[in-house]
Amino acid sequence: MTMTHTSLLQFEVSEQVATLTFNSPSKRNALEPAMRDELAVALQQIQQDRSIRAVVLTGAGGHFCSGGDLKNIAAANLDNGGWLQRMQTLHAWLQVLLTLDRPVIAAVDGAAAGAGFSLALAADFVLATPRAWFNMSFLKVGLVPDVGALYTLPRVVGVQRAKEIMLSARDLDAQEALRLGIVMELHEPDQLLPRAQAMARSFVGASPAAVALIKRSLGSALGGGLQDMLSAEAQAQALAAGTAEHREAVGRFLNKQPPLFAWPSQDKRP
């Protein structure tokens, strides 16, 4: 077993399974720049280490990942070009994750919001607890979904439901996520990580070539190119981040003011 503890990411390899744990519980494991940097390094190591046969993504402290750190986003004060560069830097490691030729399993407890929801969708399998919840929260702050969600979510739930999830920016509880196919299995919190790691270990005995070929083939089965979608995502986010509406939405959030946009609730569903 090898283990690396850093301030924001834990990287453990045991029995040929890598477990990456987002480790900023006080911020519900928000994906701040330093965490992104550490994740990029870890994914490069996994990509190069052929002895690692599967990967588990999880979060510390009862949450998976609450998304981008809005204080950092506000303080960065980037122009459109700066945002485009930020997105391209993010996409460099995201493509490693999305195209990794080994199974990736997300073990989701608590919040998986914004970029955290997108990161869960980047996995091949999503396991969750009954208290897990998901939210494509980007529209609340005047942004478009990123970290590959424009590519991954419609492939899981279909285009119409993906539009509703993204444009409503509403919470999905674990049962709805299970029903929609976002989550494959539900487990109690104390059983979540053991189940994810057991699933990951099962691939140690599988043919690496066959696993890689299945993943590669299914990645293109529904048509549409990952590269084209990531390019469109980066361009769209760079434009959205430069709007006054985005700046006002972030300011209202940080000042604990009510948002200007809220999806109307539906008390009774058929």
C-alpha atoms as a PDB file:
ATOM      1  CA  MET A   1       0.000   0.000   0.000  1.00  0.00           C
ATOM      2  CA  THR A   2       1.165   3.519  -0.797  1.00  0.00           C
ATOM      3  CA  MET A   3      -0.520   6.657   0.460  1.00  0.00           C
ATOM      4  CA  THR A   4       0.036  10.344  -0.126  1.00  0.00           C
ATOM      5  CA  HIS A   5      -1.674  12.842   2.179  1.00  0.00           C
ATOM      6  CA  THR A   6      -1.774  16.412   0.986  1.00  0.00           C
ATOM      7  CA  SER A   7      -3.689  19.373   2.287  1.00  0.00           C
ATOM      8  CA  LEU A   8      -6.580  18.907  -0.133  1.00  0.00           C
ATOM      9  CA  LEU A   9      -6.298  15.457  -1.687  1.00  0.00           C
ATOM     10  CA  GLN A  10      -5.567  12.000  -0.336  1.00  0.00           C
ATOM     11  CA  PHE A  11      -4.088   9.592  -2.874  1.00  0.00           C
ATOM     12  CA  GLU A  12      -3.951   5.969  -1.774  1.00  0.00           C
ATOM     13  CA  VAL A  13      -3.031   2.874  -3.778  1.00  0.00           C
ATOM     14  CA  SER A  14      -3.942  -0.488  -2.273  1.00  0.00           C
ATOM     15  CA  GLU A  15      -4.324  -3.839  -4.007  1.00  0.00           C
ATOM     16  CA  GLN A  16      -3.873  -2.112  -7.402  1.00  0.00           C
ATOM     17  CA  VAL A  17      -6.776   0.268  -6.753  1.00  0.00           C
ATOM     18  CA  ALA A  18      -6.206   4.020  -6.488  1.00  0.00           C
ATOM     19  CA  THR A  19      -8.530   5.931  -4.157  1.00  0.00           C
ATOM     20  CA  LEU A  20      -8.634   9.707  -4.523  1.00  0.00           C
ATOM     21  CA  THR A  21     -10.338  11.476  -1.624  1.00  0.00           C
ATOM     22  CA  PHE A  22     -11.263  15.149  -1.812  1.00  0.00           C
ATOM     23  CA  ASN A  23     -10.128  16.395   1.570  1.00  0.00           C
ATOM     24  CA  SER A  24     -11.428  19.848   2.457  1.00  0.00           C
ATOM     25  CA  PRO A  25     -14.381  19.045   4.746  1.00  0.00           C
ATOM     26  CA  SER A  26     -14.762  22.595   6.048  1.00  0.00           C
ATOM     27  CA  LYS A  27     -15.665  23.667   2.488  1.00  0.00           C
ATOM     28  CA  ARG A  28     -17.595  20.475   1.678  1.00  0.00           C
ATOM     29  CA  ASN A  29     -14.594  19.576  -0.511  1.00  0.00           C
ATOM     30  CA  ALA A  30     -15.002  22.543  -2.862  1.00  0.00           C
ATOM     31  CA  LEU A  31     -12.884  22.192  -5.999  1.00  0.00           C
ATOM     32  CA  GLU A  32     -10.527  25.080  -5.340  1.00  0.00           C
ATOM     33  CA  PRO A  33      -7.433  25.691  -7.525  1.00  0.00           C
ATOM     34  CA  ALA A  34      -4.951  23.879  -5.276  1.00  0.00           C
ATOM     35  CA  MET A  35      -7.187  20.816  -5.186  1.00  0.00           C
ATOM     36  CA  ARG A  36      -7.489  20.882  -8.985  1.00  0.00           C
ATOM     37  CA  ASP A  37      -3.707  21.025  -9.261  1.00  0.00           C
ATOM     38  CA  GLU A  38      -3.266  18.050  -6.950  1.00  0.00           C
ATOM     39  CA  LEU A  39      -5.942  16.124  -8.824  1.00  0.00           C
ATOM     40  CA  ALA A  40      -4.145  16.811 -12.111  1.00  0.00           C
ATOM     41  CA  VAL A  41      -0.893  15.404 -10.715  1.00  0.00           C
ATOM     42  CA  ALA A  42      -2.620  12.329  -9.274  1.00  0.00           C
ATOM     43  CA  LEU A  43      -4.408  11.547 -12.539  1.00  0.00           C
ATOM     44  CA  GLN A  44      -1.147  11.791 -14.480  1.00  0.00           C
ATOM     45  CA  GLN A  45       0.460   9.336 -12.043  1.00  0.00           C
ATOM     46  CA  ILE A  46      -2.465   6.935 -12.403  1.00  0.00           C
ATOM     47  CA  GLN A  47      -2.367   7.204 -16.185  1.00  0.00           C
ATOM     48  CA  GLN A  48       1.328   6.290 -16.218  1.00  0.00           C
ATOM     49  CA  ASP A  49       1.189   3.534 -13.588  1.00  0.00           C
ATOM     50  CA  ARG A  50      -0.061   0.427 -15.398  1.00  0.00           C
ATOM     51  CA  SER A  51      -0.196  -1.545 -12.152  1.00  0.00           C
ATOM     52  CA  ILE A  52      -3.224   0.541 -11.098  1.00  0.00           C
ATOM     53  CA  ARG A  53      -6.248  -1.264 -12.473  1.00  0.00           C
ATOM     54  CA  ALA A  54      -9.171   0.872 -11.214  1.00  0.00           C
ATOM     55  CA  VAL A  55      -9.864   4.207  -9.525  1.00  0.00           C
ATOM     56  CA  VAL A  56     -12.275   5.310  -6.792  1.00  0.00           C
ATOM     57  CA  LEU A  57     -13.250   8.979  -6.342  1.00  0.00           C
ATOM     58  CA  THR A  58     -14.732   9.986  -3.001  1.00  0.00           C
ATOM     59  CA  GLY A  59     -14.905  12.819  -0.493  1.00  0.00           C
ATOM     60  CA  ALA A  60     -14.048  13.266   3.183  1.00  0.00           C
ATOM     61  CA  GLY A  61     -16.341  14.458   5.949  1.00  0.00           C
ATOM     62  CA  GLY A  62     -19.691  13.283   4.635  1.00  0.00           C
ATOM     63  CA  HIS A  63     -19.650  15.127   1.309  1.00  0.00           C
ATOM     64  CA  PHE A  64     -18.363  14.324  -2.182  1.00  0.00           C
ATOM     65  CA  CYS A  65     -17.661  17.782  -3.661  1.00  0.00           C
ATOM     66  CA  SER A  66     -19.673  21.000  -3.453  1.00  0.00           C
ATOM     67  CA  GLY A  67     -18.310  22.441  -6.694  1.00  0.00           C
ATOM     68  CA  GLY A  68     -16.228  25.507  -7.420  1.00  0.00           C
ATOM     69  CA  ASP A  69     -15.081  27.836  -4.658  1.00  0.00           C
ATOM     70  CA  LEU A  70     -17.059  31.034  -5.354  1.00  0.00           C
ATOM     71  CA  LYS A  71     -14.825  33.172  -3.147  1.00  0.00           C
ATOM     72  CA  ASN A  72     -11.872  32.157  -5.288  1.00  0.00           C
ATOM     73  CA  ILE A  73     -13.861  32.720  -8.485  1.00  0.00           C
ATOM     74  CA  ALA A  74     -14.849  36.211  -7.368  1.00  0.00           C
ATOM     75  CA  ALA A  75     -11.320  37.091  -6.256  1.00  0.00           C
ATOM     76  CA  ALA A  76      -9.751  35.880  -9.513  1.00  0.00           C
ATOM     77  CA  ASN A  77     -11.549  38.620 -11.489  1.00  0.00           C
ATOM     78  CA  LEU A  78     -10.673  37.033 -14.830  1.00  0.00           C
ATOM     79  CA  ASP A  79     -11.568  38.454 -18.223  1.00  0.00           C
ATOM     80  CA  ASN A  80     -12.889  36.236 -21.026  1.00  0.00           C
ATOM     81  CA  GLY A  81      -9.387  35.276 -22.111  1.00  0.00           C
ATOM     82  CA  GLY A  82      -8.437  34.403 -18.556  1.00  0.00           C
ATOM     83  CA  TRP A  83     -11.518  32.223 -18.191  1.00  0.00           C
ATOM     84  CA  LEU A  84     -10.802  30.469 -21.467  1.00  0.00           C
ATOM     85  CA  GLN A  85      -7.268  29.683 -20.289  1.00  0.00           C
ATOM     86  CA  ARG A  86      -8.643  28.474 -16.938  1.00  0.00           C
ATOM     87  CA  MET A  87     -11.045  26.138 -18.726  1.00  0.00           C
ATOM     88  CA  GLN A  88      -8.340  24.807 -21.032  1.00  0.00           C
ATOM     89  CA  THR A  89      -6.099  24.079 -18.034  1.00  0.00           C
ATOM     90  CA  LEU A  90      -8.971  22.242 -16.377  1.00  0.00           C
ATOM     91  CA  HIS A  91      -9.674  20.270 -19.549  1.00  0.00           C
ATOM     92  CA  ALA A  92      -6.093  19.021 -19.696  1.00  0.00           C
ATOM     93  CA  TRP A  93      -6.606  16.825 -16.616  1.00  0.00           C
ATOM     94  CA  LEU A  94     -10.318  16.271 -17.232  1.00  0.00           C
ATOM     95  CA  GLN A  95      -9.556  14.539 -20.526  1.00  0.00           C
ATOM     96  CA  VAL A  96      -7.236  12.178 -18.663  1.00  0.00           C
ATOM     97  CA  LEU A  97     -10.111  11.281 -16.342  1.00  0.00           C
ATOM     98  CA  LEU A  98     -12.772  10.994 -19.066  1.00  0.00           C
ATOM     99  CA  THR A  99     -10.594   8.893 -21.369  1.00  0.00           C
ATOM    100  CA  LEU A 100      -8.808   6.804 -18.722  1.00  0.00           C
ATOM    101  CA  ASP A 101      -8.585   3.211 -19.938  1.00  0.00           C
ATOM    102  CA  ARG A 102      -9.420   1.810 -16.499  1.00  0.00           C
ATOM    103  CA  PRO A 103     -12.734   1.791 -14.598  1.00  0.00           C
ATOM    104  CA  VAL A 104     -13.517   4.818 -12.434  1.00  0.00           C
ATOM    105  CA  ILE A 105     -16.046   4.542  -9.604  1.00  0.00           C
ATOM    106  CA  ALA A 106     -17.484   7.566  -7.788  1.00  0.00           C
ATOM    107  CA  ALA A 107     -18.589   7.005  -4.174  1.00  0.00           C
ATOM    108  CA  VAL A 108     -20.903   9.923  -3.409  1.00  0.00           C
ATOM    109  CA  ASP A 109     -22.102  10.926   0.036  1.00  0.00           C
ATOM    110  CA  GLY A 110     -23.706  14.278   0.820  1.00  0.00           C
ATOM    111  CA  ALA A 111     -23.241  17.079  -1.681  1.00  0.00           C
ATOM    112  CA  ALA A 112     -22.321  16.573  -5.321  1.00  0.00           C
ATOM    113  CA  ALA A 113     -23.034  20.067  -6.615  1.00  0.00           C
ATOM    114  CA  GLY A 114     -21.823  22.037  -9.615  1.00  0.00           C
ATOM    115  CA  ALA A 115     -18.402  20.761 -10.589  1.00  0.00           C
ATOM    116  CA  GLY A 116     -18.829  18.031  -7.971  1.00  0.00           C
ATOM    117  CA  PHE A 117     -21.854  16.669  -9.845  1.00  0.00           C
ATOM    118  CA  SER A 118     -19.835  16.873 -13.070  1.00  0.00           C
ATOM    119  CA  LEU A 119     -16.940  14.961 -11.489  1.00  0.00           C
ATOM    120  CA  ALA A 120     -19.304  12.191 -10.378  1.00  0.00           C
ATOM    121  CA  LEU A 121     -20.632  11.966 -13.950  1.00  0.00           C
ATOM    122  CA  ALA A 122     -17.058  11.562 -15.219  1.00  0.00           C
ATOM    123  CA  ALA A 123     -16.931   8.174 -13.492  1.00  0.00           C
ATOM    124  CA  ASP A 124     -18.020   4.941 -15.142  1.00  0.00           C
ATOM    125  CA  PHE A 125     -20.118   3.957 -12.122  1.00  0.00           C
ATOM    126  CA  VAL A 126     -21.724   6.167  -9.470  1.00  0.00           C
ATOM    127  CA  LEU A 127     -22.528   4.688  -6.069  1.00  0.00           C
ATOM    128  CA  ALA A 128     -24.213   6.881  -3.463  1.00  0.00           C
ATOM    129  CA  THR A 129     -25.763   6.982  -0.017  1.00  0.00           C
ATOM    130  CA  PRO A 130     -29.447   7.694   0.623  1.00  0.00           C
ATOM    131  CA  ARG A 131     -28.480  11.145   1.925  1.00  0.00           C
ATOM    132  CA  ALA A 132     -26.522  12.102  -1.202  1.00  0.00           C
ATOM    133  CA  TRP A 133     -27.850  14.946  -3.346  1.00  0.00           C
ATOM    134  CA  PHE A 134     -26.937  16.331  -6.746  1.00  0.00           C
ATOM    135  CA  ASN A 135     -27.313  19.803  -8.233  1.00  0.00           C
ATOM    136  CA  MET A 136     -26.197  21.396 -11.511  1.00  0.00           C
ATOM    137  CA  SER A 137     -25.991  24.750  -9.746  1.00  0.00           C
ATOM    138  CA  PHE A 138     -24.179  26.727 -12.461  1.00  0.00           C
ATOM    139  CA  LEU A 139     -27.169  28.769 -13.664  1.00  0.00           C
ATOM    140  CA  LYS A 140     -27.640  30.101 -10.133  1.00  0.00           C
ATOM    141  CA  VAL A 141     -24.432  32.073 -10.618  1.00  0.00           C
ATOM    142  CA  GLY A 142     -24.844  32.864 -14.307  1.00  0.00           C
ATOM    143  CA  LEU A 143     -22.512  30.164 -15.625  1.00  0.00           C
ATOM    144  CA  VAL A 144     -22.861  27.130 -17.880  1.00  0.00           C
ATOM    145  CA  PRO A 145     -22.208  23.572 -16.655  1.00  0.00           C
ATOM    146  CA  ASP A 146     -18.580  22.562 -17.027  1.00  0.00           C
ATOM    147  CA  VAL A 147     -16.132  19.796 -16.092  1.00  0.00           C
ATOM    148  CA  GLY A 148     -17.577  17.851 -19.018  1.00  0.00           C
ATOM    149  CA  ALA A 149     -21.234  17.830 -17.889  1.00  0.00           C
ATOM    150  CA  LEU A 150     -22.511  19.033 -21.271  1.00  0.00           C
ATOM    151  CA  TYR A 151     -21.012  15.817 -22.673  1.00  0.00           C
ATOM    152  CA  THR A 152     -21.757  13.359 -19.870  1.00  0.00           C
ATOM    153  CA  LEU A 153     -25.193  14.247 -18.457  1.00  0.00           C
ATOM    154  CA  PRO A 154     -27.270  13.944 -21.665  1.00  0.00           C
ATOM    155  CA  ARG A 155     -25.643  10.569 -22.300  1.00  0.00           C
ATOM    156  CA  VAL A 156     -26.987   9.373 -18.959  1.00  0.00           C
ATOM    157  CA  VAL A 157     -30.456  10.949 -18.767  1.00  0.00           C
ATOM    158  CA  GLY A 158     -31.230  12.105 -22.331  1.00  0.00           C
ATOM    159  CA  VAL A 159     -31.199  15.621 -23.752  1.00  0.00           C
ATOM    160  CA  GLN A 160     -34.596  16.806 -22.477  1.00  0.00           C
ATOM    161  CA  ARG A 161     -33.973  15.771 -18.878  1.00  0.00           C
ATOM    162  CA  ALA A 162     -30.423  17.149 -19.034  1.00  0.00           C
ATOM    163  CA  LYS A 163     -31.867  20.515 -20.079  1.00  0.00           C
ATOM    164  CA  GLU A 164     -34.311  20.425 -17.161  1.00  0.00           C
ATOM    165  CA  ILE A 165     -31.612  19.515 -14.637  1.00  0.00           C
ATOM    166  CA  MET A 166     -29.255  22.207 -15.933  1.00  0.00           C
ATOM    167  CA  LEU A 167     -31.806  24.969 -16.473  1.00  0.00           C
ATOM    168  CA  SER A 168     -33.659  24.385 -13.201  1.00  0.00           C
ATOM    169  CA  ALA A 169     -30.476  24.155 -11.111  1.00  0.00           C
ATOM    170  CA  ARG A 170     -32.579  22.181  -8.634  1.00  0.00           C
ATOM    171  CA  ASP A 171     -31.607  19.518  -6.136  1.00  0.00           C
ATOM    172  CA  LEU A 172     -31.954  15.848  -7.026  1.00  0.00           C
ATOM    173  CA  ASP A 173     -32.132  13.511  -4.066  1.00  0.00           C
ATOM    174  CA  ALA A 174     -30.548  10.088  -4.098  1.00  0.00           C
ATOM    175  CA  GLN A 175     -33.746   8.250  -5.007  1.00  0.00           C
ATOM    176  CA  GLU A 176     -34.411  10.459  -8.035  1.00  0.00           C
ATOM    177  CA  ALA A 177     -30.770  10.153  -9.118  1.00  0.00           C
ATOM    178  CA  LEU A 178     -31.131   6.370  -8.880  1.00  0.00           C
ATOM    179  CA  ARG A 179     -34.347   6.433 -10.906  1.00  0.00           C
ATOM    180  CA  LEU A 180     -32.769   8.588 -13.622  1.00  0.00           C
ATOM    181  CA  GLY A 181     -29.725   6.318 -13.909  1.00  0.00           C
ATOM    182  CA  ILE A 182     -27.271   8.904 -12.558  1.00  0.00           C
ATOM    183  CA  VAL A 183     -26.654   6.605  -9.586  1.00  0.00           C
ATOM    184  CA  MET A 184     -26.285   2.850 -10.080  1.00  0.00           C
ATOM    185  CA  GLU A 185     -26.523   1.692  -6.448  1.00  0.00           C
ATOM    186  CA  LEU A 186     -27.405   3.121  -3.027  1.00  0.00           C
ATOM    187  CA  HIS A 187     -25.561   2.048   0.118  1.00  0.00           C
ATOM    188  CA  GLU A 188     -25.508   3.201   3.722  1.00  0.00           C
ATOM    189  CA  PRO A 189     -22.620   5.580   4.510  1.00  0.00           C
ATOM    190  CA  ASP A 190     -20.501   2.966   6.304  1.00  0.00           C
ATOM    191  CA  GLN A 191     -20.842   0.566   3.357  1.00  0.00           C
ATOM    192  CA  LEU A 192     -20.329   3.034   0.510  1.00  0.00           C
ATOM    193  CA  LEU A 193     -16.538   3.112   0.234  1.00  0.00           C
ATOM    194  CA  PRO A 194     -16.103  -0.634   0.948  1.00  0.00           C
ATOM    195  CA  ARG A 195     -18.571  -1.426  -1.859  1.00  0.00           C
ATOM    196  CA  ALA A 196     -16.829   0.976  -4.265  1.00  0.00           C
ATOM    197  CA  GLN A 197     -13.403  -0.465  -3.483  1.00  0.00           C
ATOM    198  CA  ALA A 198     -14.677  -4.040  -3.774  1.00  0.00           C
ATOM    199  CA  MET A 199     -16.069  -3.209  -7.202  1.00  0.00           C
ATOM    200  CA  ALA A 200     -12.759  -1.604  -8.163  1.00  0.00           C
ATOM    201  CA  ARG A 201     -10.751  -4.627  -6.974  1.00  0.00           C
ATOM    202  CA  SER A 202     -12.873  -6.908  -9.137  1.00  0.00           C
ATOM    203  CA  PHE A 203     -11.215  -5.398 -12.203  1.00  0.00           C
ATOM    204  CA  VAL A 204      -7.723  -6.413 -11.061  1.00  0.00           C
ATOM    205  CA  GLY A 205      -8.364  -9.830 -12.593  1.00  0.00           C
ATOM    206  CA  ALA A 206      -9.959  -8.516 -15.790  1.00  0.00           C
ATOM    207  CA  SER A 207      -8.190  -8.172 -19.134  1.00  0.00           C
ATOM    208  CA  PRO A 208      -6.760  -4.629 -19.261  1.00  0.00           C
ATOM    209  CA  ALA A 209      -7.016  -4.638 -23.047  1.00  0.00           C
ATOM    210  CA  ALA A 210     -10.663  -5.722 -23.049  1.00  0.00           C
ATOM    211  CA  VAL A 211     -11.591  -3.146 -20.377  1.00  0.00           C
ATOM    212  CA  ALA A 212      -9.864  -0.380 -22.333  1.00  0.00           C
ATOM    213  CA  LEU A 213     -11.509  -1.383 -25.611  1.00  0.00           C
ATOM    214  CA  ILE A 214     -14.981  -1.545 -24.054  1.00  0.00           C
ATOM    215  CA  LYS A 215     -14.584   1.894 -22.505  1.00  0.00           C
ATOM    216  CA  ARG A 216     -13.207   3.382 -25.735  1.00  0.00           C
ATOM    217  CA  SER A 217     -15.982   1.881 -27.841  1.00  0.00           C
ATOM    218  CA  LEU A 218     -18.795   2.958 -25.524  1.00  0.00           C
ATOM    219  CA  GLY A 219     -17.299   6.438 -25.278  1.00  0.00           C
ATOM    220  CA  SER A 220     -18.137   7.019 -28.942  1.00  0.00           C
ATOM    221  CA  ALA A 221     -21.257   4.837 -29.132  1.00  0.00           C
ATOM    222  CA  LEU A 222     -23.744   7.718 -28.927  1.00  0.00           C
ATOM    223  CA  GLY A 223     -21.955   9.948 -31.415  1.00  0.00           C
ATOM    224  CA  GLY A 224     -20.625  13.447 -30.872  1.00  0.00           C
ATOM    225  CA  GLY A 225     -17.010  14.145 -30.085  1.00  0.00           C
ATOM    226  CA  LEU A 226     -15.575  14.811 -26.632  1.00  0.00           C
ATOM    227  CA  GLN A 227     -13.025  17.267 -28.036  1.00  0.00           C
ATOM    228  CA  ASP A 228     -15.689  19.321 -29.808  1.00  0.00           C
ATOM    229  CA  MET A 229     -17.876  19.442 -26.710  1.00  0.00           C
ATOM    230  CA  LEU A 230     -15.016  20.473 -24.417  1.00  0.00           C
ATOM    231  CA  SER A 231     -14.076  23.238 -26.851  1.00  0.00           C
ATOM    232  CA  ALA A 232     -17.679  24.461 -26.893  1.00  0.00           C
ATOM    233  CA  GLU A 233     -17.810  24.246 -23.087  1.00  0.00           C
ATOM    234  CA  ALA A 234     -14.660  26.330 -22.682  1.00  0.00           C
ATOM    235  CA  GLN A 235     -15.856  29.015 -25.108  1.00  0.00           C
ATOM    236  CA  ALA A 236     -19.312  29.199 -23.506  1.00  0.00           C
ATOM    237  CA  GLN A 237     -17.977  29.410 -19.965  1.00  0.00           C
ATOM    238  CA  ALA A 238     -15.502  32.132 -20.912  1.00  0.00           C
ATOM    239  CA  LEU A 239     -18.383  34.204 -22.330  1.00  0.00           C
ATOM    240  CA  ALA A 240     -20.741  33.529 -19.415  1.00  0.00           C
ATOM    241  CA  ALA A 241     -18.099  34.367 -16.825  1.00  0.00           C
ATOM    242  CA  GLY A 242     -17.643  37.811 -18.348  1.00  0.00           C
ATOM    243  CA  THR A 243     -21.264  38.876 -17.897  1.00  0.00           C
ATOM    244  CA  ALA A 244     -22.599  41.313 -15.325  1.00  0.00           C
ATOM    245  CA  GLU A 245     -25.243  38.745 -14.409  1.00  0.00           C
ATOM    246  CA  HIS A 246     -22.588  36.264 -13.310  1.00  0.00           C
ATOM    247  CA  ARG A 247     -20.785  38.853 -11.182  1.00  0.00           C
ATOM    248  CA  GLU A 248     -24.025  39.950  -9.535  1.00  0.00           C
ATOM    249  CA  ALA A 249     -25.100  36.356  -8.852  1.00  0.00           C
ATOM    250  CA  VAL A 250     -21.787  35.531  -7.184  1.00  0.00           C
ATOM    251  CA  GLY A 251     -21.952  38.728  -5.136  1.00  0.00           C
ATOM    252  CA  ARG A 252     -25.470  37.946  -3.964  1.00  0.00           C
ATOM    253  CA  PHE A 253     -24.412  34.436  -2.963  1.00  0.00           C
ATOM    254  CA  LEU A 254     -21.385  35.626  -1.012  1.00  0.00           C
ATOM    255  CA  ASN A 255     -23.474  38.318   0.703  1.00  0.00           C
ATOM    256  CA  LYS A 256     -26.191  35.773   1.562  1.00  0.00           C
ATOM    257  CA  GLN A 257     -28.819  37.584  -0.510  1.00  0.00           C
ATOM    258  CA  PRO A 258     -31.596  35.689  -2.303  1.00  0.00           C
ATOM    259  CA  PRO A 259     -30.763  34.702  -5.883  1.00  0.00           C
ATOM    260  CA  LEU A 260     -32.406  36.480  -8.783  1.00  0.00           C
ATOM    261  CA  PHE A 261     -33.157  33.133 -10.449  1.00  0.00           C
ATOM    262  CA  ALA A 262     -35.049  30.279  -8.816  1.00  0.00           C
ATOM    263  CA  TRP A 263     -36.863  27.411 -10.537  1.00  0.00           C
ATOM    264  CA  PRO A 264     -40.542  27.290  -9.508  1.00  0.00           C
ATOM    265  CA  SER A 265     -41.294  24.469  -7.118  1.00  0.00           C
ATOM    266  CA  GLN A 266     -43.742  21.727  -7.988  1.00  0.00           C
ATOM    267  CA  ASP A 267     -45.406  20.405  -4.874  1.00  0.00           C
ATOM    268  CA  LYS A 268     -47.271  17.578  -6.557  1.00  0.00           C
ATOM    269  CA  ARG A 269     -45.759  15.455  -9.272  1.00  0.00           C
ATOM    270  CA  PRO A 270     -47.738  12.965 -11.304  1.00  0.00           C
END
